[in-house]
């Protein structure tokens, strides 16, 4: 029996530094292996444009993506939403990770 791949989807993480975005992304990727999520992080790629290029590449190849950046403004999130819409992605999720300032500082200091 041929098993169909689920359609590509996009998850946009939102949160201040130290809010747990990268940890969440890795756990979600592991939990939903069958969705073949690829994590795109500016910490690795270096710029929003490089992240956007990688997103287009992955979506063109049917991969789902998790955008691991702060994305705290509507304008920042819109870049990813527009790219997802360009690729006719059916599911675009925005996950907000809220944490108080003291917890964020503690997490940053642990890095």
N, C-alpha and C. Protein backbone atom coordinates (compact mmCIF):
# COMPACT_ATOMS: atom_id res chain seq x y z
N UNK A 1 0.84 -1.18 0.00
CA UNK A 1 0.00 0.00 0.00
C UNK A 1 0.88 1.24 0.00
N UNK A 2 0.59 2.18 -0.88
CA UNK A 2 1.35 3.42 -0.96
C UNK A 2 0.78 4.40 0.06
N UNK A 3 1.67 4.92 0.89
CA UNK A 3 1.25 5.88 1.90
C UNK A 3 1.53 7.28 1.40
N UNK A 4 0.49 8.11 1.36
CA UNK A 4 0.65 9.48 0.91
C UNK A 4 1.34 10.32 1.97
N UNK A 5 2.21 11.21 1.50
CA UNK A 5 2.85 12.17 2.41
C UNK A 5 1.83 13.23 2.79
N UNK A 6 1.83 13.66 4.05
CA UNK A 6 0.96 14.77 4.40
C UNK A 6 1.43 16.04 3.69
N UNK A 7 0.52 16.95 3.39
CA UNK A 7 0.94 18.19 2.72
C UNK A 7 1.86 19.01 3.61
N UNK A 8 2.71 19.79 2.96
CA UNK A 8 3.65 20.64 3.71
C UNK A 8 2.89 21.67 4.54
N UNK A 9 3.45 21.99 5.68
CA UNK A 9 2.88 23.03 6.54
C UNK A 9 4.00 23.91 7.08
N UNK A 10 3.60 25.05 7.62
CA UNK A 10 4.56 26.02 8.15
C UNK A 10 4.16 26.38 9.57
N UNK A 11 5.12 26.32 10.48
CA UNK A 11 4.92 26.76 11.85
C UNK A 11 5.87 27.93 12.12
N UNK A 12 5.31 29.04 12.55
CA UNK A 12 6.08 30.23 12.86
C UNK A 12 6.13 30.37 14.38
N UNK A 13 7.33 30.29 14.94
CA UNK A 13 7.48 30.46 16.38
C UNK A 13 7.65 31.94 16.71
N UNK A 14 7.06 32.34 17.82
CA UNK A 14 7.10 33.73 18.26
C UNK A 14 7.50 33.76 19.72
N UNK A 15 8.51 34.57 20.04
CA UNK A 15 8.90 34.71 21.44
C UNK A 15 10.22 35.45 21.58
N UNK A 16 10.42 36.01 22.74
CA UNK A 16 11.66 36.72 23.00
C UNK A 16 12.81 35.72 23.13
N UNK A 17 14.05 36.19 23.02
CA UNK A 17 15.18 35.29 23.24
C UNK A 17 15.06 34.64 24.63
N UNK A 18 15.35 33.34 24.67
CA UNK A 18 15.28 32.63 25.95
C UNK A 18 13.90 32.09 26.28
N UNK A 19 12.94 32.22 25.36
CA UNK A 19 11.58 31.77 25.66
C UNK A 19 11.35 30.29 25.36
N UNK A 20 12.34 29.63 24.78
CA UNK A 20 12.21 28.19 24.54
C UNK A 20 11.84 27.81 23.11
N UNK A 21 11.99 28.73 22.16
CA UNK A 21 11.61 28.45 20.78
C UNK A 21 12.39 27.28 20.19
N UNK A 22 13.70 27.28 20.34
CA UNK A 22 14.52 26.22 19.77
C UNK A 22 14.23 24.87 20.41
N UNK A 23 14.05 24.85 21.70
CA UNK A 23 13.71 23.61 22.41
C UNK A 23 12.37 23.09 21.93
N UNK A 24 11.40 23.98 21.83
CA UNK A 24 10.07 23.59 21.33
C UNK A 24 10.18 23.02 19.92
N UNK A 25 10.93 23.70 19.04
CA UNK A 25 11.06 23.27 17.65
C UNK A 25 11.63 21.86 17.57
N UNK A 26 12.68 21.59 18.32
CA UNK A 26 13.32 20.27 18.29
C UNK A 26 12.38 19.18 18.81
N UNK A 27 11.66 19.47 19.89
CA UNK A 27 10.73 18.48 20.44
C UNK A 27 9.57 18.23 19.48
N UNK A 28 9.06 19.28 18.87
CA UNK A 28 7.95 19.14 17.92
C UNK A 28 8.40 18.34 16.70
N UNK A 29 9.60 18.65 16.20
CA UNK A 29 10.15 17.93 15.05
C UNK A 29 10.26 16.43 15.36
N UNK A 30 10.72 16.10 16.53
CA UNK A 30 10.87 14.71 16.94
C UNK A 30 9.51 14.04 17.11
N UNK A 31 8.58 14.73 17.72
CA UNK A 31 7.26 14.18 17.99
C UNK A 31 6.48 13.89 16.72
N UNK A 32 6.67 14.73 15.70
CA UNK A 32 5.92 14.59 14.44
C UNK A 32 6.86 14.28 13.28
N UNK A 33 7.67 13.24 13.44
CA UNK A 33 8.64 12.85 12.41
C UNK A 33 7.98 12.62 11.06
N UNK A 34 6.77 12.04 11.08
CA UNK A 34 6.09 11.73 9.83
C UNK A 34 5.76 12.97 9.00
N UNK A 35 5.72 14.12 9.64
CA UNK A 35 5.46 15.38 8.92
C UNK A 35 6.72 15.94 8.28
N UNK A 36 7.87 15.37 8.65
CA UNK A 36 9.16 15.76 8.06
C UNK A 36 9.45 17.26 8.21
N UNK A 37 9.22 17.79 9.40
CA UNK A 37 9.50 19.21 9.66
C UNK A 37 11.00 19.48 9.63
N UNK A 38 11.37 20.55 8.99
CA UNK A 38 12.74 21.03 8.96
C UNK A 38 12.76 22.36 9.71
N UNK A 39 13.74 22.52 10.59
CA UNK A 39 13.84 23.75 11.39
C UNK A 39 14.73 24.75 10.65
N UNK A 40 14.20 25.95 10.51
CA UNK A 40 14.96 27.04 9.90
C UNK A 40 15.23 28.05 11.01
N UNK A 41 16.51 28.28 11.29
CA UNK A 41 16.85 29.21 12.36
C UNK A 41 17.88 30.23 11.89
N UNK A 42 17.61 31.47 12.20
CA UNK A 42 18.53 32.54 11.82
C UNK A 42 19.84 32.43 12.60
N UNK A 43 19.81 31.80 13.76
CA UNK A 43 21.05 31.61 14.53
C UNK A 43 22.07 30.82 13.71
N UNK A 44 21.60 29.93 12.86
CA UNK A 44 22.49 29.11 12.02
C UNK A 44 22.73 29.77 10.67
N UNK A 45 21.66 30.24 10.03
CA UNK A 45 21.77 30.76 8.66
C UNK A 45 22.27 32.20 8.58
N UNK A 46 22.07 33.00 9.63
CA UNK A 46 22.67 34.32 9.71
C UNK A 46 21.83 35.50 9.30
N UNK A 47 20.81 35.31 8.45
CA UNK A 47 19.98 36.45 8.05
C UNK A 47 18.58 35.98 7.71
N UNK A 48 17.64 36.91 7.76
CA UNK A 48 16.26 36.59 7.39
C UNK A 48 16.20 36.15 5.93
N UNK A 49 16.94 36.82 5.05
CA UNK A 49 16.89 36.46 3.64
C UNK A 49 17.37 35.04 3.39
N UNK A 50 18.41 34.62 4.09
CA UNK A 50 18.89 33.25 3.93
C UNK A 50 17.85 32.26 4.46
N UNK A 51 17.18 32.63 5.54
CA UNK A 51 16.11 31.78 6.08
C UNK A 51 14.96 31.69 5.08
N UNK A 52 14.61 32.80 4.48
CA UNK A 52 13.53 32.83 3.49
C UNK A 52 13.88 31.99 2.28
N UNK A 53 15.12 32.09 1.81
CA UNK A 53 15.58 31.26 0.68
C UNK A 53 15.47 29.78 1.02
N UNK A 54 15.89 29.42 2.23
CA UNK A 54 15.83 28.02 2.67
C UNK A 54 14.38 27.55 2.77
N UNK A 55 13.50 28.42 3.25
CA UNK A 55 12.09 28.07 3.33
C UNK A 55 11.52 27.76 1.96
N UNK A 56 11.82 28.61 0.97
CA UNK A 56 11.33 28.37 -0.40
C UNK A 56 11.86 27.04 -0.92
N UNK A 57 13.13 26.78 -0.69
CA UNK A 57 13.75 25.52 -1.15
C UNK A 57 13.04 24.31 -0.54
N UNK A 58 12.83 24.35 0.75
CA UNK A 58 12.20 23.22 1.44
C UNK A 58 10.75 23.03 1.00
N UNK A 59 9.99 24.12 0.92
CA UNK A 59 8.59 24.00 0.52
C UNK A 59 8.47 23.50 -0.91
N UNK A 60 9.37 23.92 -1.78
CA UNK A 60 9.36 23.43 -3.16
C UNK A 60 9.57 21.93 -3.22
N UNK A 61 10.24 21.39 -2.21
CA UNK A 61 10.51 19.96 -2.14
C UNK A 61 9.53 19.22 -1.23
N UNK A 62 8.42 19.88 -0.90
CA UNK A 62 7.37 19.23 -0.13
C UNK A 62 7.64 19.06 1.34
N UNK A 63 8.64 19.74 1.87
CA UNK A 63 8.98 19.64 3.29
C UNK A 63 8.17 20.66 4.10
N UNK A 64 7.85 20.31 5.31
CA UNK A 64 7.23 21.24 6.25
C UNK A 64 8.34 21.97 6.99
N UNK A 65 8.06 23.20 7.42
CA UNK A 65 9.10 23.98 8.08
C UNK A 65 8.61 24.58 9.39
N UNK A 66 9.57 24.74 10.29
CA UNK A 66 9.38 25.47 11.54
C UNK A 66 10.34 26.65 11.49
N UNK A 67 9.80 27.86 11.59
CA UNK A 67 10.61 29.07 11.57
C UNK A 67 10.95 29.43 13.01
N UNK A 68 12.23 29.27 13.34
CA UNK A 68 12.73 29.51 14.70
C UNK A 68 13.45 30.87 14.73
N UNK A 69 12.66 31.92 14.90
CA UNK A 69 13.15 33.30 15.04
C UNK A 69 12.23 33.97 16.05
N UNK A 70 12.59 35.18 16.46
CA UNK A 70 11.74 35.88 17.43
C UNK A 70 10.37 36.22 16.84
N UNK A 71 10.32 36.76 15.63
CA UNK A 71 9.07 37.04 14.92
C UNK A 71 8.04 37.78 15.78
N UNK A 72 8.48 38.77 16.54
CA UNK A 72 7.59 39.41 17.51
C UNK A 72 6.63 40.44 16.92
N UNK A 73 6.89 40.89 15.69
CA UNK A 73 5.97 41.86 15.09
C UNK A 73 5.18 41.21 13.97
N UNK A 74 4.05 41.81 13.66
CA UNK A 74 3.20 41.34 12.56
C UNK A 74 4.00 41.36 11.26
N UNK A 75 4.79 42.40 11.07
CA UNK A 75 5.58 42.52 9.84
C UNK A 75 6.58 41.38 9.71
N UNK A 76 7.21 40.99 10.81
CA UNK A 76 8.17 39.88 10.77
C UNK A 76 7.47 38.57 10.43
N UNK A 77 6.31 38.35 11.00
CA UNK A 77 5.58 37.11 10.73
C UNK A 77 5.04 37.09 9.30
N UNK A 78 4.72 38.25 8.76
CA UNK A 78 4.13 38.32 7.42
C UNK A 78 5.07 37.80 6.34
N UNK A 79 6.39 37.95 6.51
CA UNK A 79 7.34 37.41 5.54
C UNK A 79 7.10 35.92 5.34
N UNK A 80 6.94 35.20 6.42
CA UNK A 80 6.78 33.74 6.37
C UNK A 80 5.40 33.36 5.87
N UNK A 81 4.40 34.12 6.26
CA UNK A 81 3.04 33.83 5.82
C UNK A 81 2.94 34.03 4.31
N UNK A 82 3.50 35.11 3.80
CA UNK A 82 3.46 35.35 2.35
C UNK A 82 4.19 34.26 1.58
N UNK A 83 5.33 33.83 2.08
CA UNK A 83 6.08 32.75 1.43
C UNK A 83 5.28 31.45 1.43
N UNK A 84 4.64 31.16 2.55
CA UNK A 84 3.82 29.94 2.65
C UNK A 84 2.65 30.01 1.67
N UNK A 85 2.02 31.16 1.58
CA UNK A 85 0.89 31.33 0.65
C UNK A 85 1.36 31.19 -0.80
N UNK A 86 2.54 31.67 -1.10
CA UNK A 86 3.10 31.53 -2.45
C UNK A 86 3.19 30.06 -2.85
N UNK A 87 3.49 29.21 -1.87
CA UNK A 87 3.63 27.77 -2.11
C UNK A 87 2.31 27.01 -1.86
N UNK A 88 1.22 27.74 -1.67
CA UNK A 88 -0.10 27.14 -1.45
C UNK A 88 -0.14 26.19 -0.25
N UNK A 89 0.56 26.58 0.80
CA UNK A 89 0.56 25.79 2.03
C UNK A 89 -0.82 25.88 2.68
N UNK A 90 -1.38 24.72 3.03
CA UNK A 90 -2.72 24.69 3.63
C UNK A 90 -2.73 25.07 5.10
N UNK A 91 -1.67 24.72 5.81
CA UNK A 91 -1.65 24.93 7.26
C UNK A 91 -0.48 25.83 7.64
N UNK A 92 -0.83 27.00 8.13
CA UNK A 92 0.16 27.95 8.64
C UNK A 92 -0.19 28.18 10.11
N UNK A 93 0.72 27.81 10.99
CA UNK A 93 0.48 27.96 12.42
C UNK A 93 1.44 28.98 13.00
N UNK A 94 0.97 29.67 13.99
CA UNK A 94 1.80 30.62 14.72
C UNK A 94 1.74 30.21 16.19
N UNK A 95 2.89 29.87 16.75
CA UNK A 95 2.96 29.42 18.14
C UNK A 95 3.72 30.46 18.95
N UNK A 96 3.04 31.01 19.94
CA UNK A 96 3.63 32.05 20.79
C UNK A 96 4.11 31.39 22.08
N UNK A 97 5.39 31.58 22.36
CA UNK A 97 5.97 31.07 23.60
C UNK A 97 6.19 32.25 24.54
N UNK A 98 5.39 32.29 25.59
CA UNK A 98 5.48 33.39 26.55
C UNK A 98 6.27 32.94 27.77
N UNK A 99 7.12 33.82 28.22
CA UNK A 99 7.92 33.55 29.41
C UNK A 99 8.20 34.91 30.07
N UNK A 100 8.28 34.91 31.38
CA UNK A 100 8.57 36.19 32.02
C UNK A 100 10.05 36.54 31.83
N UNK A 101 10.36 37.80 31.98
CA UNK A 101 11.71 38.30 31.71
C UNK A 101 12.78 37.57 32.52
N UNK A 102 12.51 37.30 33.78
CA UNK A 102 13.51 36.64 34.65
C UNK A 102 13.83 35.23 34.14
N UNK A 103 12.79 34.50 33.71
CA UNK A 103 13.01 33.16 33.18
C UNK A 103 13.82 33.22 31.88
N UNK A 104 13.50 34.17 31.01
CA UNK A 104 14.24 34.33 29.76
C UNK A 104 15.71 34.63 30.03
N UNK A 105 15.97 35.53 30.98
CA UNK A 105 17.36 35.86 31.33
C UNK A 105 18.08 34.64 31.87
N UNK A 106 17.41 33.86 32.70
CA UNK A 106 18.02 32.65 33.25
C UNK A 106 18.36 31.66 32.13
N UNK A 107 17.47 31.52 31.17
CA UNK A 107 17.72 30.60 30.04
C UNK A 107 18.90 31.09 29.19
N UNK A 108 18.96 32.38 28.96
CA UNK A 108 20.06 32.94 28.16
C UNK A 108 21.39 32.73 28.86
N UNK A 109 21.41 32.91 30.18
CA UNK A 109 22.65 32.72 30.94
C UNK A 109 23.12 31.28 30.93
N UNK A 110 22.21 30.33 30.75
CA UNK A 110 22.57 28.91 30.70
C UNK A 110 23.22 28.52 29.39
N UNK A 111 23.07 29.33 28.37
CA UNK A 111 23.60 28.98 27.03
C UNK A 111 25.09 28.94 27.01
